[in-house]
């Protein structure tokens, strides 16, 4: 009951997600998706951890099972964990909503903060994507909240998911060296996916990308790449392209696309863990065996 894509639009529960992104903060979206009557604050410190993976791994040893815990109790732990992730990702240790703290930590202004706000909200949830499914599978076993989030984070890191930003950077670099037309053709000849372009759920274009790119002029090399991809394949920029574009235009850290994706989507992961814990069933699909069986 958390999110769906219907007729090319993304909904968080019964609300158009991109309409929500025009004004809402990520904290408000968390309240909406977690179905709590208080607004979370993502302000907890992370401690001495180098990255999100080690931070979540360290919490697993002391994390409590999700079995038998109320949604409100899980939501309060979720807010603390996301606060720690925000700290690791560079959010400034100052009062205020996450998008302002991120902008401050990344040397941005109010305009940067508003761009980050929209991006975080747009990335908060997206139906049963791969990382969300991983989180729900872990939650169905009764694993702790940090364990569920680590399962999701490991899945997010793949180049066909949240790691697409790094793959797009490689494509852009090849386009700089050999020209956009040649780079796109070369990737297609290798039967390689074109990171940053196309989405099977949005044949008419990713509305999240349109939201993030509104009023923004992408750098020349990214614009040229988008034009060549569209000419050769018809594919339009997706959210990974948009995150790369705002990172370049706003002069954010090079790994900002992954961090924005992580912080926004962590809200959705937590919502799915809460929902799955209420369901109480084990997700255990059967495989279709593709081999010879004895007579």
C-alpha atoms as a PDB file:
ATOM      1  CA  UNK A   1       0.000   0.000   0.000  1.00  0.00           C
ATOM      2  CA  UNK A   2       3.031   2.283  -0.155  1.00  0.00           C
ATOM      3  CA  UNK A   3       3.706   3.216  -3.774  1.00  0.00           C
ATOM      4  CA  UNK A   4       2.814   2.318  -7.321  1.00  0.00           C
ATOM      5  CA  UNK A   5       3.242   3.498 -10.911  1.00  0.00           C
ATOM      6  CA  UNK A   6      -0.094   4.039 -12.657  1.00  0.00           C
ATOM      7  CA  UNK A   7      -0.446   5.444 -16.185  1.00  0.00           C
ATOM      8  CA  UNK A   8       3.053   6.865 -16.119  1.00  0.00           C
ATOM      9  CA  UNK A   9       2.693   8.531 -12.716  1.00  0.00           C
ATOM     10  CA  UNK A  10       4.289   7.616  -9.387  1.00  0.00           C
ATOM     11  CA  UNK A  11       2.099   7.581  -6.280  1.00  0.00           C
ATOM     12  CA  UNK A  12       3.034   7.453  -2.594  1.00  0.00           C
ATOM     13  CA  UNK A  13       0.002   5.791  -1.081  1.00  0.00           C
ATOM     14  CA  UNK A  14      -2.827   7.812  -2.690  1.00  0.00           C
ATOM     15  CA  UNK A  15      -0.812  10.975  -3.444  1.00  0.00           C
ATOM     16  CA  UNK A  16       0.956  11.922  -6.666  1.00  0.00           C
ATOM     17  CA  UNK A  17       4.603  11.731  -5.577  1.00  0.00           C
ATOM     18  CA  UNK A  18       5.806  14.479  -7.878  1.00  0.00           C
ATOM     19  CA  UNK A  19       3.067  16.843  -6.799  1.00  0.00           C
ATOM     20  CA  UNK A  20       4.196  16.084  -3.267  1.00  0.00           C
ATOM     21  CA  UNK A  21       7.793  16.837  -4.302  1.00  0.00           C
ATOM     22  CA  UNK A  22       6.819  20.344  -5.366  1.00  0.00           C
ATOM     23  CA  UNK A  23       6.453  21.413  -1.734  1.00  0.00           C
ATOM     24  CA  UNK A  24       7.130  18.561   0.720  1.00  0.00           C
ATOM     25  CA  UNK A  25      10.280  17.760   2.661  1.00  0.00           C
ATOM     26  CA  UNK A  26      11.625  14.217   2.972  1.00  0.00           C
ATOM     27  CA  UNK A  27      10.647  14.248   6.651  1.00  0.00           C
ATOM     28  CA  UNK A  28       7.011  14.854   5.668  1.00  0.00           C
ATOM     29  CA  UNK A  29       7.148  12.038   3.129  1.00  0.00           C
ATOM     30  CA  UNK A  30       8.537   9.722   5.810  1.00  0.00           C
ATOM     31  CA  UNK A  31       5.587  10.571   8.056  1.00  0.00           C
ATOM     32  CA  UNK A  32       3.211   9.844   5.178  1.00  0.00           C
ATOM     33  CA  UNK A  33       4.821   6.525   4.179  1.00  0.00           C
ATOM     34  CA  UNK A  34       5.470   5.323   7.728  1.00  0.00           C
ATOM     35  CA  UNK A  35       1.898   6.211   8.764  1.00  0.00           C
ATOM     36  CA  UNK A  36       2.920   7.872  12.031  1.00  0.00           C
ATOM     37  CA  UNK A  37       1.363  10.915  13.701  1.00  0.00           C
ATOM     38  CA  UNK A  38       4.694  12.652  14.364  1.00  0.00           C
ATOM     39  CA  UNK A  39       7.263  14.071  11.971  1.00  0.00           C
ATOM     40  CA  UNK A  40      10.653  12.346  11.959  1.00  0.00           C
ATOM     41  CA  UNK A  41      13.913  14.271  12.307  1.00  0.00           C
ATOM     42  CA  UNK A  42      16.985  12.783  10.683  1.00  0.00           C
ATOM     43  CA  UNK A  43      19.537  14.269  13.048  1.00  0.00           C
ATOM     44  CA  UNK A  44      21.273  11.346  14.812  1.00  0.00           C
ATOM     45  CA  UNK A  45      25.063  11.142  14.719  1.00  0.00           C
ATOM     46  CA  UNK A  46      26.762   8.258  12.916  1.00  0.00           C
ATOM     47  CA  UNK A  47      29.819   7.731  15.100  1.00  0.00           C
ATOM     48  CA  UNK A  48      33.210   6.672  13.729  1.00  0.00           C
ATOM     49  CA  UNK A  49      32.134   4.928  10.532  1.00  0.00           C
ATOM     50  CA  UNK A  50      33.674   5.491   7.122  1.00  0.00           C
ATOM     51  CA  UNK A  51      30.656   4.606   5.021  1.00  0.00           C
ATOM     52  CA  UNK A  52      27.034   3.532   5.097  1.00  0.00           C
ATOM     53  CA  UNK A  53      27.910  -0.158   4.772  1.00  0.00           C
ATOM     54  CA  UNK A  54      30.085  -0.258   7.900  1.00  0.00           C
ATOM     55  CA  UNK A  55      27.590   1.912   9.819  1.00  0.00           C
ATOM     56  CA  UNK A  56      24.707  -0.479   9.183  1.00  0.00           C
ATOM     57  CA  UNK A  57      26.856  -3.576   9.692  1.00  0.00           C
ATOM     58  CA  UNK A  58      27.954  -2.313  13.114  1.00  0.00           C
ATOM     59  CA  UNK A  59      24.335  -1.843  14.204  1.00  0.00           C
ATOM     60  CA  UNK A  60      23.307  -5.358  13.227  1.00  0.00           C
ATOM     61  CA  UNK A  61      25.053  -6.970  16.204  1.00  0.00           C
ATOM     62  CA  UNK A  62      22.855  -5.036  18.633  1.00  0.00           C
ATOM     63  CA  UNK A  63      19.756  -4.668  16.443  1.00  0.00           C
ATOM     64  CA  UNK A  64      16.484  -6.158  17.648  1.00  0.00           C
ATOM     65  CA  UNK A  65      14.308  -8.370  15.493  1.00  0.00           C
ATOM     66  CA  UNK A  66      11.392  -6.632  13.821  1.00  0.00           C
ATOM     67  CA  UNK A  67       9.032  -9.380  15.036  1.00  0.00           C
ATOM     68  CA  UNK A  68       6.470  -8.164  17.551  1.00  0.00           C
ATOM     69  CA  UNK A  69       7.510  -4.505  17.391  1.00  0.00           C
ATOM     70  CA  UNK A  70       4.985  -1.775  16.646  1.00  0.00           C
ATOM     71  CA  UNK A  71       5.187   0.346  13.533  1.00  0.00           C
ATOM     72  CA  UNK A  72       5.734   3.423  15.684  1.00  0.00           C
ATOM     73  CA  UNK A  73       8.675   1.795  17.477  1.00  0.00           C
ATOM     74  CA  UNK A  74      10.266   0.729  14.182  1.00  0.00           C
ATOM     75  CA  UNK A  75       9.714   4.211  12.734  1.00  0.00           C
ATOM     76  CA  UNK A  76      11.579   5.825  15.623  1.00  0.00           C
ATOM     77  CA  UNK A  77      14.537   3.512  15.064  1.00  0.00           C
ATOM     78  CA  UNK A  78      14.312   4.221  11.326  1.00  0.00           C
ATOM     79  CA  UNK A  79      14.610   7.968  11.938  1.00  0.00           C
ATOM     80  CA  UNK A  80      17.756   7.422  14.004  1.00  0.00           C
ATOM     81  CA  UNK A  81      19.349   5.188  11.375  1.00  0.00           C
ATOM     82  CA  UNK A  82      18.591   7.596   8.521  1.00  0.00           C
ATOM     83  CA  UNK A  83      20.033  10.380  10.644  1.00  0.00           C
ATOM     84  CA  UNK A  84      23.264   8.412  10.928  1.00  0.00           C
ATOM     85  CA  UNK A  85      23.293   7.757   7.181  1.00  0.00           C
ATOM     86  CA  UNK A  86      22.763  11.471   6.552  1.00  0.00           C
ATOM     87  CA  UNK A  87      25.743  12.302   8.743  1.00  0.00           C
ATOM     88  CA  UNK A  88      27.930   9.831   6.852  1.00  0.00           C
ATOM     89  CA  UNK A  89      26.758  11.292   3.532  1.00  0.00           C
ATOM     90  CA  UNK A  90      27.931  14.763   4.552  1.00  0.00           C
ATOM     91  CA  UNK A  91      24.897  16.491   6.064  1.00  0.00           C
ATOM     92  CA  UNK A  92      25.979  19.364   8.298  1.00  0.00           C
ATOM     93  CA  UNK A  93      25.447  18.937  12.040  1.00  0.00           C
ATOM     94  CA  UNK A  94      23.054  21.874  12.306  1.00  0.00           C
ATOM     95  CA  UNK A  95      19.317  22.180  13.030  1.00  0.00           C
ATOM     96  CA  UNK A  96      16.871  21.947  10.151  1.00  0.00           C
ATOM     97  CA  UNK A  97      15.467  19.575   7.547  1.00  0.00           C
ATOM     98  CA  UNK A  98      17.741  17.145   5.775  1.00  0.00           C
ATOM     99  CA  UNK A  99      17.852  18.963   2.427  1.00  0.00           C
ATOM    100  CA  UNK A 100      19.134  22.140   4.078  1.00  0.00           C
ATOM    101  CA  UNK A 101      21.713  20.220   6.086  1.00  0.00           C
ATOM    102  CA  UNK A 102      22.929  18.396   2.987  1.00  0.00           C
ATOM    103  CA  UNK A 103      23.200  21.642   1.048  1.00  0.00           C
ATOM    104  CA  UNK A 104      25.149  23.188   3.924  1.00  0.00           C
ATOM    105  CA  UNK A 105      27.466  20.207   4.157  1.00  0.00           C
ATOM    106  CA  UNK A 106      28.031  20.276   0.401  1.00  0.00           C
ATOM    107  CA  UNK A 107      28.671  24.054   0.315  1.00  0.00           C
ATOM    108  CA  UNK A 108      25.406  24.810  -1.445  1.00  0.00           C
ATOM    109  CA  UNK A 109      22.912  27.673  -1.131  1.00  0.00           C
ATOM    110  CA  UNK A 110      19.133  27.786  -0.708  1.00  0.00           C
ATOM    111  CA  UNK A 111      18.648  26.988  -4.385  1.00  0.00           C
ATOM    112  CA  UNK A 112      20.788  23.886  -3.965  1.00  0.00           C
ATOM    113  CA  UNK A 113      18.746  22.900  -0.912  1.00  0.00           C
ATOM    114  CA  UNK A 114      15.481  23.102  -2.829  1.00  0.00           C
ATOM    115  CA  UNK A 115      16.867  21.005  -5.700  1.00  0.00           C
ATOM    116  CA  UNK A 116      18.007  18.412  -3.166  1.00  0.00           C
ATOM    117  CA  UNK A 117      14.606  18.461  -1.471  1.00  0.00           C
ATOM    118  CA  UNK A 118      12.819  17.644  -4.707  1.00  0.00           C
ATOM    119  CA  UNK A 119      15.309  14.918  -5.606  1.00  0.00           C
ATOM    120  CA  UNK A 120      15.112  13.261  -2.187  1.00  0.00           C
ATOM    121  CA  UNK A 121      11.321  13.170  -2.293  1.00  0.00           C
ATOM    122  CA  UNK A 122      11.273  11.893  -5.878  1.00  0.00           C
ATOM    123  CA  UNK A 123      13.595   9.023  -4.946  1.00  0.00           C
ATOM    124  CA  UNK A 124      11.878   8.046  -1.682  1.00  0.00           C
ATOM    125  CA  UNK A 125      10.035   4.977  -2.969  1.00  0.00           C
ATOM    126  CA  UNK A 126       9.385   3.217  -6.263  1.00  0.00           C
ATOM    127  CA  UNK A 127       7.090   0.225  -6.107  1.00  0.00           C
ATOM    128  CA  UNK A 128       8.813  -3.149  -5.555  1.00  0.00           C
ATOM    129  CA  UNK A 129      12.245  -2.289  -6.983  1.00  0.00           C
ATOM    130  CA  UNK A 130      15.204  -4.627  -6.440  1.00  0.00           C
ATOM    131  CA  UNK A 131      16.597  -3.049  -3.263  1.00  0.00           C
ATOM    132  CA  UNK A 132      13.143  -2.682  -1.720  1.00  0.00           C
ATOM    133  CA  UNK A 133      12.411  -6.332  -2.445  1.00  0.00           C
ATOM    134  CA  UNK A 134      15.687  -7.275  -0.743  1.00  0.00           C
ATOM    135  CA  UNK A 135      14.663  -5.264   2.320  1.00  0.00           C
ATOM    136  CA  UNK A 136      11.256  -6.951   2.425  1.00  0.00           C
ATOM    137  CA  UNK A 137      12.743 -10.438   2.094  1.00  0.00           C
ATOM    138  CA  UNK A 138      15.049  -9.704   5.038  1.00  0.00           C
ATOM    139  CA  UNK A 139      12.160  -8.220   7.023  1.00  0.00           C
ATOM    140  CA  UNK A 140      10.030 -11.295   6.374  1.00  0.00           C
ATOM    141  CA  UNK A 141      12.602 -13.397   8.260  1.00  0.00           C
ATOM    142  CA  UNK A 142      12.358 -11.085  11.278  1.00  0.00           C
ATOM    143  CA  UNK A 143      15.815  -9.590  10.678  1.00  0.00           C
ATOM    144  CA  UNK A 144      16.610  -6.338  12.467  1.00  0.00           C
ATOM    145  CA  UNK A 145      15.964  -3.002  10.792  1.00  0.00           C
ATOM    146  CA  UNK A 146      19.684  -2.293  10.149  1.00  0.00           C
ATOM    147  CA  UNK A 147      20.049  -5.799   8.665  1.00  0.00           C
ATOM    148  CA  UNK A 148      17.113  -5.133   6.328  1.00  0.00           C
ATOM    149  CA  UNK A 149      18.610  -1.804   5.266  1.00  0.00           C
ATOM    150  CA  UNK A 150      22.040  -3.334   4.679  1.00  0.00           C
ATOM    151  CA  UNK A 151      20.461  -5.982   2.437  1.00  0.00           C
ATOM    152  CA  UNK A 152      18.807  -3.168   0.500  1.00  0.00           C
ATOM    153  CA  UNK A 153      21.984  -1.069   0.364  1.00  0.00           C
ATOM    154  CA  UNK A 154      24.057  -3.952  -1.018  1.00  0.00           C
ATOM    155  CA  UNK A 155      21.428  -4.408  -3.722  1.00  0.00           C
ATOM    156  CA  UNK A 156      21.347  -0.673  -4.447  1.00  0.00           C
ATOM    157  CA  UNK A 157      25.098  -0.652  -5.089  1.00  0.00           C
ATOM    158  CA  UNK A 158      24.781  -2.656  -8.313  1.00  0.00           C
ATOM    159  CA  UNK A 159      25.322  -0.822 -11.640  1.00  0.00           C
ATOM    160  CA  UNK A 160      21.801  -1.696 -12.774  1.00  0.00           C
ATOM    161  CA  UNK A 161      20.314   0.075  -9.762  1.00  0.00           C
ATOM    162  CA  UNK A 162      21.714   2.883  -7.599  1.00  0.00           C
ATOM    163  CA  UNK A 163      25.215   2.242  -8.932  1.00  0.00           C
ATOM    164  CA  UNK A 164      24.069   3.402 -12.363  1.00  0.00           C
ATOM    165  CA  UNK A 165      25.515   6.832 -11.587  1.00  0.00           C
ATOM    166  CA  UNK A 166      29.061   5.447 -11.708  1.00  0.00           C
ATOM    167  CA  UNK A 167      28.269   3.557 -14.917  1.00  0.00           C
ATOM    168  CA  UNK A 168      26.866   6.753 -16.445  1.00  0.00           C
ATOM    169  CA  UNK A 169      30.046   8.594 -15.477  1.00  0.00           C
ATOM    170  CA  UNK A 170      32.029   5.957 -17.421  1.00  0.00           C
ATOM    171  CA  UNK A 171      29.786   6.442 -20.462  1.00  0.00           C
ATOM    172  CA  UNK A 172      30.180  10.222 -20.252  1.00  0.00           C
ATOM    173  CA  UNK A 173      33.956   9.877 -20.009  1.00  0.00           C
ATOM    174  CA  UNK A 174      34.030   7.681 -23.128  1.00  0.00           C
ATOM    175  CA  UNK A 175      31.843  10.234 -24.915  1.00  0.00           C
ATOM    176  CA  UNK A 176      34.342  12.970 -24.034  1.00  0.00           C
ATOM    177  CA  UNK A 177      37.202  10.948 -25.486  1.00  0.00           C
ATOM    178  CA  UNK A 178      35.606   9.618 -28.647  1.00  0.00           C
ATOM    179  CA  UNK A 179      32.448  11.671 -29.149  1.00  0.00           C
ATOM    180  CA  UNK A 180      28.918  10.992 -27.938  1.00  0.00           C
ATOM    181  CA  UNK A 181      27.746   9.312 -31.145  1.00  0.00           C
ATOM    182  CA  UNK A 182      30.654   6.857 -31.138  1.00  0.00           C
ATOM    183  CA  UNK A 183      30.371   6.139 -27.413  1.00  0.00           C
ATOM    184  CA  UNK A 184      26.664   5.346 -27.602  1.00  0.00           C
ATOM    185  CA  UNK A 185      27.176   3.129 -30.636  1.00  0.00           C
ATOM    186  CA  UNK A 186      30.098   1.359 -28.933  1.00  0.00           C
ATOM    187  CA  UNK A 187      28.056   0.585 -25.813  1.00  0.00           C
ATOM    188  CA  UNK A 188      25.181  -0.673 -27.934  1.00  0.00           C
ATOM    189  CA  UNK A 189      27.488  -2.896 -30.032  1.00  0.00           C
ATOM    190  CA  UNK A 190      28.679  -4.511 -26.805  1.00  0.00           C
ATOM    191  CA  UNK A 191      25.034  -5.072 -25.928  1.00  0.00           C
ATOM    192  CA  UNK A 192      25.614  -2.963 -22.846  1.00  0.00           C
ATOM    193  CA  UNK A 193      22.762  -1.125 -21.179  1.00  0.00           C
ATOM    194  CA  UNK A 194      22.919   2.642 -21.479  1.00  0.00           C
ATOM    195  CA  UNK A 195      22.999   3.878 -17.888  1.00  0.00           C
ATOM    196  CA  UNK A 196      20.957   7.003 -17.264  1.00  0.00           C
ATOM    197  CA  UNK A 197      18.469   6.387 -20.071  1.00  0.00           C
ATOM    198  CA  UNK A 198      15.144   4.624 -20.454  1.00  0.00           C
ATOM    199  CA  UNK A 199      12.934   2.911 -17.901  1.00  0.00           C
ATOM    200  CA  UNK A 200      10.605  -0.033 -18.559  1.00  0.00           C
ATOM    201  CA  UNK A 201       7.901   1.432 -16.325  1.00  0.00           C
ATOM    202  CA  UNK A 202       7.983   4.822 -18.073  1.00  0.00           C
ATOM    203  CA  UNK A 203       7.889   4.339 -21.858  1.00  0.00           C
ATOM    204  CA  UNK A 204       6.973   8.018 -22.270  1.00  0.00           C
ATOM    205  CA  UNK A 205       9.819   9.218 -20.052  1.00  0.00           C
ATOM    206  CA  UNK A 206      10.706   9.101 -16.363  1.00  0.00           C
ATOM    207  CA  UNK A 207       8.646  11.814 -14.614  1.00  0.00           C
ATOM    208  CA  UNK A 208      11.165  11.916 -11.754  1.00  0.00           C
ATOM    209  CA  UNK A 209      13.826  13.005 -14.223  1.00  0.00           C
ATOM    210  CA  UNK A 210      11.531  15.667 -15.657  1.00  0.00           C
ATOM    211  CA  UNK A 211      10.917  17.001 -12.147  1.00  0.00           C
ATOM    212  CA  UNK A 212      14.607  17.147 -11.245  1.00  0.00           C
ATOM    213  CA  UNK A 213      15.638  18.656 -14.582  1.00  0.00           C
ATOM    214  CA  UNK A 214      12.927  21.338 -14.680  1.00  0.00           C
ATOM    215  CA  UNK A 215      14.546  24.755 -15.076  1.00  0.00           C
ATOM    216  CA  UNK A 216      18.023  23.197 -15.228  1.00  0.00           C
ATOM    217  CA  UNK A 217      20.377  23.318 -18.207  1.00  0.00           C
ATOM    218  CA  UNK A 218      22.523  20.149 -18.190  1.00  0.00           C
ATOM    219  CA  UNK A 219      26.233  20.486 -18.973  1.00  0.00           C
ATOM    220  CA  UNK A 220      27.030  20.401 -22.675  1.00  0.00           C
ATOM    221  CA  UNK A 221      28.510  16.903 -22.655  1.00  0.00           C
ATOM    222  CA  UNK A 222      25.481  15.442 -20.873  1.00  0.00           C
ATOM    223  CA  UNK A 223      23.096  17.282 -23.197  1.00  0.00           C
ATOM    224  CA  UNK A 224      24.966  16.005 -26.261  1.00  0.00           C
ATOM    225  CA  UNK A 225      24.924  12.477 -24.893  1.00  0.00           C
ATOM    226  CA  UNK A 226      21.149  12.655 -24.289  1.00  0.00           C
ATOM    227  CA  UNK A 227      20.603  13.887 -27.846  1.00  0.00           C
ATOM    228  CA  UNK A 228      22.649  11.047 -29.357  1.00  0.00           C
ATOM    229  CA  UNK A 229      20.984   8.396 -27.190  1.00  0.00           C
ATOM    230  CA  UNK A 230      17.571   9.646 -28.230  1.00  0.00           C
ATOM    231  CA  UNK A 231      18.550   9.713 -31.903  1.00  0.00           C
ATOM    232  CA  UNK A 232      19.985   6.193 -31.858  1.00  0.00           C
ATOM    233  CA  UNK A 233      17.551   4.465 -29.486  1.00  0.00           C
ATOM    234  CA  UNK A 234      14.650   6.775 -28.674  1.00  0.00           C
ATOM    235  CA  UNK A 235      15.405   6.384 -24.952  1.00  0.00           C
ATOM    236  CA  UNK A 236      14.885   9.417 -22.717  1.00  0.00           C
ATOM    237  CA  UNK A 237      16.874  10.455 -19.624  1.00  0.00           C
ATOM    238  CA  UNK A 238      15.876   8.743 -16.395  1.00  0.00           C
ATOM    239  CA  UNK A 239      16.392   9.640 -12.745  1.00  0.00           C
ATOM    240  CA  UNK A 240      20.064   8.537 -12.805  1.00  0.00           C
ATOM    241  CA  UNK A 241      20.785  11.025 -15.594  1.00  0.00           C
ATOM    242  CA  UNK A 242      18.948  13.744 -13.684  1.00  0.00           C
ATOM    243  CA  UNK A 243      20.942  13.080 -10.512  1.00  0.00           C
ATOM    244  CA  UNK A 244      24.156  13.286 -12.529  1.00  0.00           C
ATOM    245  CA  UNK A 245      23.051  16.559 -14.117  1.00  0.00           C
ATOM    246  CA  UNK A 246      22.154  18.291 -10.862  1.00  0.00           C
ATOM    247  CA  UNK A 247      25.392  17.042  -9.318  1.00  0.00           C
ATOM    248  CA  UNK A 248      27.410  18.660 -12.075  1.00  0.00           C
ATOM    249  CA  UNK A 249      25.407  21.895 -12.271  1.00  0.00           C
ATOM    250  CA  UNK A 250      25.309  22.404  -8.493  1.00  0.00           C
ATOM    251  CA  UNK A 251      28.943  21.289  -8.072  1.00  0.00           C
ATOM    252  CA  UNK A 252      28.064  18.614  -5.561  1.00  0.00           C
ATOM    253  CA  UNK A 253      30.502  15.853  -4.525  1.00  0.00           C
ATOM    254  CA  UNK A 254      31.066  13.291  -7.315  1.00  0.00           C
ATOM    255  CA  UNK A 255      29.298  10.565  -5.327  1.00  0.00           C
ATOM    256  CA  UNK A 256      26.258  12.758  -4.626  1.00  0.00           C
ATOM    257  CA  UNK A 257      23.970  10.793  -7.019  1.00  0.00           C
ATOM    258  CA  UNK A 258      24.402   7.616  -4.990  1.00  0.00           C
ATOM    259  CA  UNK A 259      24.067   9.445  -1.675  1.00  0.00           C
ATOM    260  CA  UNK A 260      20.878  11.252  -2.730  1.00  0.00           C
ATOM    261  CA  UNK A 261      19.451   7.967  -3.992  1.00  0.00           C
ATOM    262  CA  UNK A 262      20.401   6.229  -0.731  1.00  0.00           C
ATOM    263  CA  UNK A 263      19.003   8.862   1.621  1.00  0.00           C
ATOM    264  CA  UNK A 264      15.744   9.261  -0.258  1.00  0.00           C
ATOM    265  CA  UNK A 265      15.172   5.555  -0.799  1.00  0.00           C
ATOM    266  CA  UNK A 266      16.056   4.659   2.806  1.00  0.00           C
ATOM    267  CA  UNK A 267      12.738   6.252   3.774  1.00  0.00           C
ATOM    268  CA  UNK A 268      10.940   3.882   1.430  1.00  0.00           C
ATOM    269  CA  UNK A 269      12.935   0.866   2.588  1.00  0.00           C
ATOM    270  CA  UNK A 270      11.953   1.577   6.193  1.00  0.00           C
ATOM    271  CA  UNK A 271       8.304   1.926   5.171  1.00  0.00           C
ATOM    272  CA  UNK A 272       8.416  -1.471   3.468  1.00  0.00           C
ATOM    273  CA  UNK A 273      10.105  -3.096   6.465  1.00  0.00           C
ATOM    274  CA  UNK A 274       7.337  -1.724   8.706  1.00  0.00           C
ATOM    275  CA  UNK A 275       4.650  -2.947   6.325  1.00  0.00           C
ATOM    276  CA  UNK A 276       6.257  -6.380   5.920  1.00  0.00           C
ATOM    277  CA  UNK A 277       6.641  -6.819   9.679  1.00  0.00           C
ATOM    278  CA  UNK A 278       2.906  -6.212  10.060  1.00  0.00           C
ATOM    279  CA  UNK A 279       2.188  -8.815   7.390  1.00  0.00           C
ATOM    280  CA  UNK A 280       4.147 -11.422   9.332  1.00  0.00           C
ATOM    281  CA  UNK A 281       4.639 -13.928   6.492  1.00  0.00           C
ATOM    282  CA  UNK A 282       7.914 -15.326   5.184  1.00  0.00           C
ATOM    283  CA  UNK A 283       8.777 -14.450   1.597  1.00  0.00           C
ATOM    284  CA  UNK A 284       9.982 -17.764   0.240  1.00  0.00           C
ATOM    285  CA  UNK A 285       9.384 -18.180  -3.516  1.00  0.00           C
ATOM    286  CA  UNK A 286       9.914 -21.525  -5.250  1.00  0.00           C
ATOM    287  CA  UNK A 287      12.351 -21.797  -8.095  1.00  0.00           C
ATOM    288  CA  UNK A 288      11.525 -23.379 -11.431  1.00  0.00           C
ATOM    289  CA  UNK A 289      14.175 -26.086 -11.775  1.00  0.00           C
ATOM    290  CA  UNK A 290      15.776 -26.045 -15.234  1.00  0.00           C
ATOM    291  CA  UNK A 291      17.595 -29.344 -15.347  1.00  0.00           C
ATOM    292  CA  UNK A 292      17.250 -33.085 -15.723  1.00  0.00           C
ATOM    293  CA  UNK A 293      15.394 -34.913 -12.989  1.00  0.00           C
ATOM    294  CA  UNK A 294      15.752 -38.653 -12.271  1.00  0.00           C
ATOM    295  CA  UNK A 295      12.975 -40.951 -13.468  1.00  0.00           C
END
